[in-house]
Amino acid sequence: MTAVAEIELLRSEAEDTPGPRGNPEFDLLLACCADPSSGEPPRERIHAILSHRLNWGRLLSQVDHHRVVPQVYSALSASSHLIPPQHFDALRLRYRDNARNALWFTGELVRIVSYFESAGIKALPYKGPLLAQTLYGEVTHRQFGDLDILILPEDVPKAKAALQSLGYKPTLDLAPQIETAYIETGYEYSFNATNGQNLLELQWRIVPRFYSIDFDVADFFDRADEIKFGVRSMRTLRPEDLLLVLCVHAAKHAWVQLSWLCDITQLVRSEHMDWNAVQDEAHRLGIELILNLNLFLTQKLLAAPLPRGRLRDDQQTIILADQILQIIKRSGHYDTESIPYFRLMMSLRGRRLDQARFLWRLASTPSVSEWSTIPLPKPLHPLYRLVRLARLTKRLSSIS
């Protein structure tokens, strides 16, 4: 039986299983993911939770949603005698599946980056197996389902062609004129391969332009670090840049996955961080509140240690953190096309100028939908802003 089928069976068996009040399954996830240097004995905490009657179907569902299979499996292996065998076997299957996927992605990353180098394309892989190796020391110790490779905007056509020669197919097929305009306002191409859908994201920005968080990708390349990755070296984001990128990525997705906070915790703990550089860049980008929220959440949920004086517990942070904690604990999908989502994104920007810029770009920046569904000749490309505004108004009015 596959891991997915096993989990579905266990979930159906456990639907009506009573448990202690609250959410002990999520508490167990937190205990398994907590920073080991926090001072609290994690094994004692895990054993205390395991003494309750748990809904194992719900637990496995949460493990899968939060993408923390390696952390939970590693933490529970020492306590497997306290876990019903069929439930621990289901977790072991997920761990093995993740390990196989991680090794396959590792091979693909080396193949792609090597090909890019031979074609003269600069590339910075910054998540996937490279992040797993950097933060956890082993590619199988982090759960991921795709590759993220950052390139310079001018290299997008060449990199796209290189990936197609390697057997990857873009999920978006635009005419050359439209593609040039899309590169100016978009941020990524997703690619499929015979092994699955959306296996690779080729990015020339960190987030879509409308979020109004203007990372300087050229600067990323200038100050990138070179790290040992298997039998070769690869360049990737320096720790200070990586921290801000991970914080923005978690915020963009409304923190629905606990694994992103695990990564931030591990990065802060394992790297010597230039906090002055981090906070200066966060101020320039207008994401000081986003940075502060991520640090606050890692401390609250995972007992992450932070340098003294680097975390503010002001009222705005506390109120927003309470809202985000409910999203994380819900362990479900969050509609990123909804009005509450855009309100949350607005509230994450502490400066009025950043809020105004976010609203303007949200309303006026064409998205993939506009570029791909309404072909306009190049002289009329400025009209895509009006098309975007009309489509956005219609969509929001239909869900309000």
Protein backbone atom coordinates (compact mmCIF):
# COMPACT_ATOMS: atom_id res chain seq x y z
CA MET A 1 0.00 0.00 0.00
CA THR A 2 1.32 3.44 -0.88
CA ALA A 3 1.86 6.11 1.73
CA VAL A 4 -1.04 8.19 0.39
CA ALA A 5 -3.43 5.23 0.42
CA GLU A 6 -2.30 4.30 3.92
CA ILE A 7 -2.93 7.80 5.19
CA GLU A 8 -6.38 7.91 3.58
CA LEU A 9 -7.26 4.61 5.28
CA LEU A 10 -6.03 5.80 8.67
CA ARG A 11 -7.86 9.10 8.28
CA SER A 12 -11.15 7.33 7.61
CA GLU A 13 -10.59 5.01 10.58
CA ALA A 14 -9.85 7.89 12.92
CA GLU A 15 -12.61 10.33 11.96
CA ASP A 16 -14.58 9.62 15.12
CA THR A 17 -11.66 8.96 17.44
CA PRO A 18 -12.02 11.16 20.53
CA GLY A 19 -8.96 12.90 21.93
CA PRO A 20 -8.03 15.38 24.61
CA ARG A 21 -9.40 18.88 24.38
CA GLY A 22 -7.62 21.35 22.13
CA ASN A 23 -5.40 20.25 19.28
CA PRO A 24 -2.92 17.70 20.67
CA GLU A 25 -1.98 16.57 17.15
CA PHE A 26 -0.76 20.05 16.26
CA ASP A 27 0.96 20.28 19.65
CA LEU A 28 2.84 17.10 18.77
CA LEU A 29 3.95 18.65 15.48
CA LEU A 30 5.28 21.67 17.36
CA ALA A 31 7.12 19.46 19.84
CA CYS A 32 8.74 17.50 17.02
CA CYS A 33 9.78 20.67 15.20
CA ALA A 34 10.88 22.71 18.23
CA ASP A 35 14.41 24.04 18.30
CA PRO A 36 16.48 21.49 20.23
CA SER A 37 18.57 24.22 21.85
CA SER A 38 15.53 25.89 23.41
CA GLY A 39 16.19 24.32 26.81
CA GLU A 40 12.88 22.42 27.08
CA PRO A 41 13.42 18.64 26.89
CA PRO A 42 11.56 17.77 23.65
CA ARG A 43 11.41 14.04 24.39
CA GLU A 44 9.58 14.62 27.66
CA ARG A 45 7.13 16.94 25.92
CA ILE A 46 6.60 14.38 23.14
CA HIS A 47 6.02 11.57 25.62
CA ALA A 48 3.51 13.67 27.54
CA ILE A 49 1.48 14.28 24.36
CA LEU A 50 1.74 10.63 23.27
CA SER A 51 0.20 9.62 26.59
CA HIS A 52 -3.10 11.02 25.32
CA ARG A 53 -5.35 9.25 22.87
CA LEU A 54 -4.53 10.92 19.56
CA ASN A 55 -6.41 11.10 16.29
CA TRP A 56 -3.69 9.63 14.10
CA GLY A 57 -5.56 10.26 10.88
CA ARG A 58 -5.69 13.94 11.73
CA LEU A 59 -2.03 13.94 12.75
CA LEU A 60 -0.87 12.38 9.49
CA SER A 61 -3.01 14.83 7.56
CA GLN A 62 -1.40 17.74 9.42
CA VAL A 63 2.10 16.32 8.90
CA ASP A 64 1.38 16.11 5.19
CA HIS A 65 -0.12 19.60 4.99
CA HIS A 66 2.68 21.31 6.93
CA ARG A 67 5.35 19.33 5.02
CA VAL A 68 7.27 18.32 8.12
CA VAL A 69 7.58 14.58 7.52
CA PRO A 70 11.38 14.45 8.15
CA GLN A 71 11.16 16.42 11.41
CA VAL A 72 8.25 14.41 12.80
CA TYR A 73 9.64 11.03 11.75
CA SER A 74 13.06 11.79 13.24
CA ALA A 75 11.59 13.07 16.50
CA LEU A 76 9.17 10.15 16.91
CA SER A 77 11.59 7.37 15.93
CA ALA A 78 13.02 7.28 19.46
CA SER A 79 9.46 6.93 20.81
CA SER A 80 8.09 4.49 18.25
CA HIS A 81 7.30 1.98 21.01
CA LEU A 82 4.63 4.41 22.23
CA ILE A 83 2.97 4.65 18.80
CA PRO A 84 0.58 2.05 17.32
CA PRO A 85 2.62 0.15 14.69
CA GLN A 86 0.29 0.82 11.76
CA HIS A 87 0.46 4.56 12.35
CA PHE A 88 4.23 4.65 12.66
CA ASP A 89 4.49 2.51 9.50
CA ALA A 90 2.41 5.12 7.65
CA LEU A 91 4.80 7.83 8.81
CA ARG A 92 7.81 5.73 7.78
CA LEU A 93 6.35 5.30 4.29
CA ARG A 94 6.03 9.07 3.95
CA TYR A 95 9.62 9.51 5.11
CA ARG A 96 10.90 7.03 2.51
CA ASP A 97 8.86 8.64 -0.25
CA ASN A 98 10.27 12.04 0.69
CA ALA A 99 13.83 10.70 0.71
CA ARG A 100 13.41 9.26 -2.80
CA ASN A 101 11.97 12.53 -4.07
CA ALA A 102 14.75 14.56 -2.45
CA LEU A 103 17.46 12.44 -4.07
CA TRP A 104 15.82 12.70 -7.48
CA PHE A 105 15.52 16.48 -7.18
CA THR A 106 19.16 16.66 -6.09
CA GLY A 107 20.27 14.89 -9.25
CA GLU A 108 18.08 17.15 -11.37
CA LEU A 109 19.43 20.30 -9.73
CA VAL A 110 23.02 19.30 -10.47
CA ARG A 111 22.09 18.43 -14.05
CA ILE A 112 20.28 21.75 -14.64
CA VAL A 113 22.85 24.02 -13.01
CA SER A 114 25.68 22.27 -14.87
CA TYR A 115 23.84 22.75 -18.16
CA PHE A 116 23.18 26.41 -17.35
CA GLU A 117 26.87 26.95 -16.63
CA SER A 118 27.86 25.40 -19.95
CA ALA A 119 25.38 27.74 -21.68
CA GLY A 120 26.72 30.82 -19.86
CA ILE A 121 23.56 31.30 -17.75
CA LYS A 122 24.03 32.56 -14.19
CA ALA A 123 21.83 30.74 -11.70
CA LEU A 124 21.18 30.84 -7.96
CA PRO A 125 19.24 27.83 -6.64
CA TYR A 126 17.98 28.84 -3.22
CA LYS A 127 15.36 26.38 -1.94
CA GLY A 128 14.78 22.67 -2.56
CA PRO A 129 17.74 20.32 -1.94
CA LEU A 130 20.28 23.14 -1.65
CA LEU A 131 18.36 24.70 1.25
CA ALA A 132 17.96 21.27 2.84
CA GLN A 133 21.71 20.67 2.64
CA THR A 134 22.53 24.16 3.92
CA LEU A 135 20.15 24.15 6.88
CA TYR A 136 19.87 20.49 7.88
CA GLY A 137 23.08 18.96 6.55
CA GLU A 138 21.27 16.38 4.44
CA VAL A 139 18.93 16.74 1.44
CA THR A 140 16.48 14.14 2.81
CA HIS A 141 15.96 16.05 6.07
CA ARG A 142 13.66 18.65 4.52
CA GLN A 143 10.42 18.13 2.61
CA PHE A 144 10.02 19.88 -0.75
CA GLY A 145 8.29 19.23 -4.04
CA ASP A 146 10.03 21.41 -6.60
CA LEU A 147 13.18 23.30 -7.54
CA ASP A 148 13.50 27.09 -7.35
CA ILE A 149 16.20 28.67 -9.47
CA LEU A 150 16.80 32.40 -9.59
CA ILE A 151 18.20 33.95 -12.77
CA LEU A 152 18.69 37.43 -14.18
CA PRO A 153 15.76 38.82 -16.22
CA GLU A 154 17.85 39.14 -19.37
CA ASP A 155 18.64 35.41 -19.21
CA VAL A 156 15.02 34.23 -19.11
CA PRO A 157 14.62 33.33 -22.82
CA LYS A 158 17.96 31.51 -22.88
CA ALA A 159 17.23 29.64 -19.62
CA LYS A 160 13.76 28.70 -20.81
CA ALA A 161 15.21 27.25 -24.01
CA ALA A 162 17.88 25.37 -22.02
CA LEU A 163 15.25 23.76 -19.78
CA GLN A 164 13.20 22.71 -22.79
CA SER A 165 16.27 21.02 -24.25
CA LEU A 166 16.54 19.09 -20.96
CA GLY A 167 12.98 17.80 -21.32
CA TYR A 168 11.08 20.39 -19.29
CA LYS A 169 7.96 22.07 -20.66
CA PRO A 170 6.73 25.51 -19.52
CA THR A 171 3.19 25.60 -18.18
CA LEU A 172 2.73 28.99 -19.86
CA ASP A 173 3.27 29.45 -23.59
CA LEU A 174 3.36 33.09 -24.65
CA ALA A 175 4.03 34.70 -28.00
CA PRO A 176 7.46 36.40 -28.18
CA GLN A 177 6.03 39.94 -27.95
CA ILE A 178 3.88 39.03 -24.97
CA GLU A 179 6.73 37.17 -23.30
CA THR A 180 8.94 40.28 -23.36
CA ALA A 181 6.23 42.28 -21.60
CA TYR A 182 5.53 39.42 -19.17
CA ILE A 183 9.19 39.32 -18.10
CA GLU A 184 8.92 43.00 -17.19
CA THR A 185 5.89 42.54 -14.93
CA GLY A 186 5.88 38.83 -14.04
CA TYR A 187 8.26 36.87 -11.85
CA GLU A 188 8.46 33.19 -12.78
CA TYR A 189 7.90 30.37 -15.25
CA SER A 190 6.77 26.98 -13.97
CA PHE A 191 7.88 23.83 -15.76
CA ASN A 192 6.54 20.29 -15.99
CA ALA A 193 8.48 17.12 -16.81
CA THR A 194 7.68 13.47 -17.36
CA ASN A 195 8.11 12.90 -13.60
CA GLY A 196 5.34 15.31 -12.62
CA GLN A 197 3.71 18.71 -12.73
CA ASN A 198 5.25 22.03 -11.63
CA LEU A 199 8.60 20.45 -10.80
CA LEU A 200 10.65 23.58 -11.40
CA GLU A 201 10.17 27.31 -10.97
CA LEU A 202 12.45 29.59 -12.96
CA GLN A 203 12.32 33.00 -11.23
CA TRP A 204 13.69 36.43 -12.04
CA ARG A 205 11.88 38.07 -9.10
CA ILE A 206 11.16 36.72 -5.63
CA VAL A 207 7.48 37.69 -5.62
CA PRO A 208 5.10 39.15 -8.22
CA ARG A 209 5.57 42.87 -8.83
CA PHE A 210 2.24 43.84 -7.26
CA TYR A 211 3.44 42.85 -3.78
CA SER A 212 5.68 45.91 -4.02
CA ILE A 213 8.69 44.20 -2.42
CA ASP A 214 11.48 45.04 -4.82
CA PHE A 215 14.40 42.75 -4.04
CA ASP A 216 17.44 43.57 -6.18
CA VAL A 217 18.19 40.28 -7.92
CA ALA A 218 21.41 41.64 -9.43
CA ASP A 219 22.66 42.38 -5.90
CA PHE A 220 21.82 38.81 -4.89
CA PHE A 221 24.21 37.55 -7.55
CA ASP A 222 26.92 40.05 -6.61
CA ARG A 223 27.01 39.01 -2.95
CA ALA A 224 26.09 35.33 -3.30
CA ASP A 225 27.87 32.65 -1.28
CA GLU A 226 29.47 29.54 -2.70
CA ILE A 227 28.81 26.33 -0.78
CA LYS A 228 29.84 22.70 -1.14
CA PHE A 229 27.03 20.60 -2.58
CA GLY A 230 27.90 16.96 -3.07
CA VAL A 231 30.94 16.62 -5.29
CA ARG A 232 30.73 20.19 -6.58
CA SER A 233 30.15 23.76 -5.44
CA MET A 234 27.11 25.92 -6.07
CA ARG A 235 26.34 29.57 -5.54
CA THR A 236 23.31 30.54 -3.50
CA LEU A 237 21.89 33.44 -1.53
CA ARG A 238 23.94 34.72 1.38
CA PRO A 239 22.26 34.06 4.79
CA GLU A 240 21.03 37.65 5.28
CA ASP A 241 19.32 37.70 1.88
CA LEU A 242 18.00 34.17 2.34
CA LEU A 243 16.40 35.07 5.67
CA LEU A 244 14.42 37.95 4.17
CA VAL A 245 13.43 35.88 1.13
CA LEU A 246 12.15 33.04 3.34
CA CYS A 247 10.23 35.52 5.51
CA VAL A 248 8.54 37.11 2.50
CA HIS A 249 7.74 33.70 0.99
CA ALA A 250 6.02 32.58 4.21
CA ALA A 251 4.05 35.84 4.36
CA LYS A 252 3.04 35.63 0.71
CA HIS A 253 1.44 32.23 1.41
CA ALA A 254 -0.13 33.41 4.71
CA TRP A 255 2.09 31.05 6.74
CA VAL A 256 -0.10 28.03 5.99
CA GLN A 257 2.85 25.62 6.33
CA LEU A 258 4.80 25.17 9.52
CA SER A 259 7.83 23.99 7.53
CA TRP A 260 8.65 27.56 6.48
CA LEU A 261 9.01 28.63 10.10
CA CYS A 262 11.17 25.54 10.71
CA ASP A 263 13.50 26.70 7.94
CA ILE A 264 13.72 30.22 9.36
CA THR A 265 14.42 28.83 12.84
CA GLN A 266 17.17 26.60 11.50
CA LEU A 267 18.71 29.41 9.45
CA VAL A 268 18.81 31.83 12.38
CA ARG A 269 20.27 29.14 14.64
CA SER A 270 22.85 27.74 12.26
CA GLU A 271 24.27 30.85 10.59
CA HIS A 272 26.25 33.81 11.84
CA MET A 273 23.84 36.55 10.85
CA ASP A 274 24.68 40.21 10.27
CA TRP A 275 21.54 41.53 11.91
CA ASN A 276 22.30 45.15 11.12
CA ALA A 277 22.43 44.28 7.41
CA VAL A 278 19.20 42.28 7.72
CA GLN A 279 17.31 45.11 9.39
CA ASP A 280 18.71 47.79 7.06
CA GLU A 281 17.55 45.83 4.02
CA ALA A 282 14.17 45.07 5.63
CA HIS A 283 13.71 48.79 6.20
CA ARG A 284 14.61 49.60 2.58
CA LEU A 285 12.13 47.04 1.30
CA GLY A 286 9.38 48.05 3.73
CA ILE A 287 9.14 44.55 5.24
CA GLU A 288 10.26 45.19 8.81
CA LEU A 289 6.89 44.03 10.13
CA ILE A 290 7.05 40.84 8.02
CA LEU A 291 10.52 40.09 9.40
CA ASN A 292 9.39 40.78 12.95
CA LEU A 293 6.31 38.58 12.60
CA ASN A 294 8.36 35.64 11.36
CA LEU A 295 10.79 35.96 14.25
CA PHE A 296 7.91 36.31 16.71
CA LEU A 297 6.16 33.20 15.33
CA THR A 298 9.32 31.07 15.38
CA GLN A 299 9.89 32.03 19.00
CA LYS A 300 6.28 31.46 20.03
CA LEU A 301 5.73 28.17 18.18
CA LEU A 302 9.21 26.63 17.99
CA ALA A 303 11.03 28.24 20.93
CA ALA A 304 13.60 29.67 18.53
CA PRO A 305 16.44 31.58 20.21
CA LEU A 306 16.99 35.09 18.88
CA PRO A 307 19.72 37.65 19.44
CA ARG A 308 18.79 40.09 22.17
CA GLY A 309 17.05 43.25 21.00
CA ARG A 310 16.19 41.92 17.53
CA LEU A 311 12.52 41.16 18.22
CA ARG A 312 9.76 43.66 18.98
CA ASP A 313 6.64 42.47 20.79
CA ASP A 314 4.60 45.59 20.08
CA GLN A 315 0.80 45.54 19.94
CA GLN A 316 0.64 45.44 16.13
CA THR A 317 2.88 42.36 16.00
CA ILE A 318 0.90 40.57 18.72
CA ILE A 319 -2.47 41.22 17.06
CA LEU A 320 -1.29 40.08 13.65
CA ALA A 321 0.52 37.06 15.12
CA ASP A 322 -2.70 35.90 16.81
CA GLN A 323 -4.48 36.09 13.45
CA ILE A 324 -1.70 34.18 11.70
CA LEU A 325 -1.53 31.53 14.42
CA GLN A 326 -5.15 30.65 13.71
CA ILE A 327 -4.31 30.20 10.03
CA ILE A 328 -1.36 27.93 10.84
CA LYS A 329 -3.29 25.82 13.35
CA ARG A 330 -6.18 25.40 10.95
CA SER A 331 -3.84 23.30 8.78
CA GLY A 332 -5.82 23.95 5.61
CA HIS A 333 -5.98 25.88 2.38
CA TYR A 334 -6.08 29.68 2.45
CA ASP A 335 -7.73 31.47 -0.46
CA THR A 336 -5.12 33.86 -1.84
CA GLU A 337 -7.68 35.39 -4.19
CA SER A 338 -10.00 36.49 -1.38
CA ILE A 339 -10.58 39.92 0.11
CA PRO A 340 -9.35 38.77 3.58
CA TYR A 341 -6.06 37.72 1.98
CA PHE A 342 -5.49 41.13 0.38
CA ARG A 343 -6.42 42.80 3.67
CA LEU A 344 -3.82 40.65 5.42
CA MET A 345 -1.19 41.57 2.83
CA MET A 346 -2.04 45.25 3.36
CA SER A 347 -1.75 44.95 7.12
CA LEU A 348 1.73 43.44 6.79
CA ARG A 349 3.09 46.68 5.36
CA GLY A 350 3.87 49.09 8.15
CA ARG A 351 4.32 52.24 6.03
CA ARG A 352 1.42 54.00 4.32
CA LEU A 353 3.52 54.54 1.20
CA ASP A 354 4.12 50.79 0.90
CA GLN A 355 0.40 50.13 1.38
CA ALA A 356 -0.50 52.65 -1.32
CA ARG A 357 2.09 51.18 -3.71
CA PHE A 358 0.76 47.69 -3.04
CA LEU A 359 -2.82 48.74 -3.87
CA TRP A 360 -1.78 50.58 -7.02
CA ARG A 361 0.32 47.72 -8.35
CA LEU A 362 -2.35 45.17 -7.42
CA ALA A 363 -4.86 47.09 -9.50
CA SER A 364 -2.63 47.99 -12.44
CA THR A 365 -0.06 45.20 -12.93
CA PRO A 366 -1.18 42.63 -15.54
CA SER A 367 -1.07 39.03 -14.39
CA VAL A 368 -0.58 35.79 -16.30
CA SER A 369 -4.34 35.67 -16.89
CA GLU A 370 -4.35 38.99 -18.72
CA TRP A 371 -1.25 38.26 -20.80
CA SER A 372 -2.34 34.75 -21.79
CA THR A 373 -6.08 35.17 -22.44
CA ILE A 374 -6.33 38.56 -24.19
CA PRO A 375 -3.82 38.99 -27.04
CA LEU A 376 -3.13 42.61 -27.86
CA PRO A 377 -0.62 44.04 -30.37
CA LYS A 378 2.46 45.68 -28.87
CA PRO A 379 1.27 49.30 -29.36
CA LEU A 380 -1.79 48.48 -27.23
CA HIS A 381 0.09 46.78 -24.36
CA PRO A 382 -0.58 49.73 -22.01
CA LEU A 383 -4.25 48.75 -22.20
CA TYR A 384 -3.45 45.59 -20.22
CA ARG A 385 -3.55 47.79 -17.11
CA LEU A 386 -7.18 48.64 -17.83
CA VAL A 387 -7.95 45.00 -18.58
CA ARG A 388 -6.34 44.05 -15.26
CA LEU A 389 -8.36 46.65 -13.35
CA ALA A 390 -11.64 45.56 -14.96
CA ARG A 391 -11.02 41.85 -14.33
CA LEU A 392 -9.93 42.46 -10.74
CA THR A 393 -12.97 44.61 -10.02
CA LYS A 394 -15.27 41.96 -11.42
CA ARG A 395 -13.61 39.15 -9.47
CA LEU A 396 -13.63 41.00 -6.15
CA SER A 397 -17.23 42.12 -6.56
CA SER A 398 -18.30 38.52 -7.17
CA ILE A 399 -16.76 37.30 -3.89
CA SER A 400 -17.58 40.27 -1.65
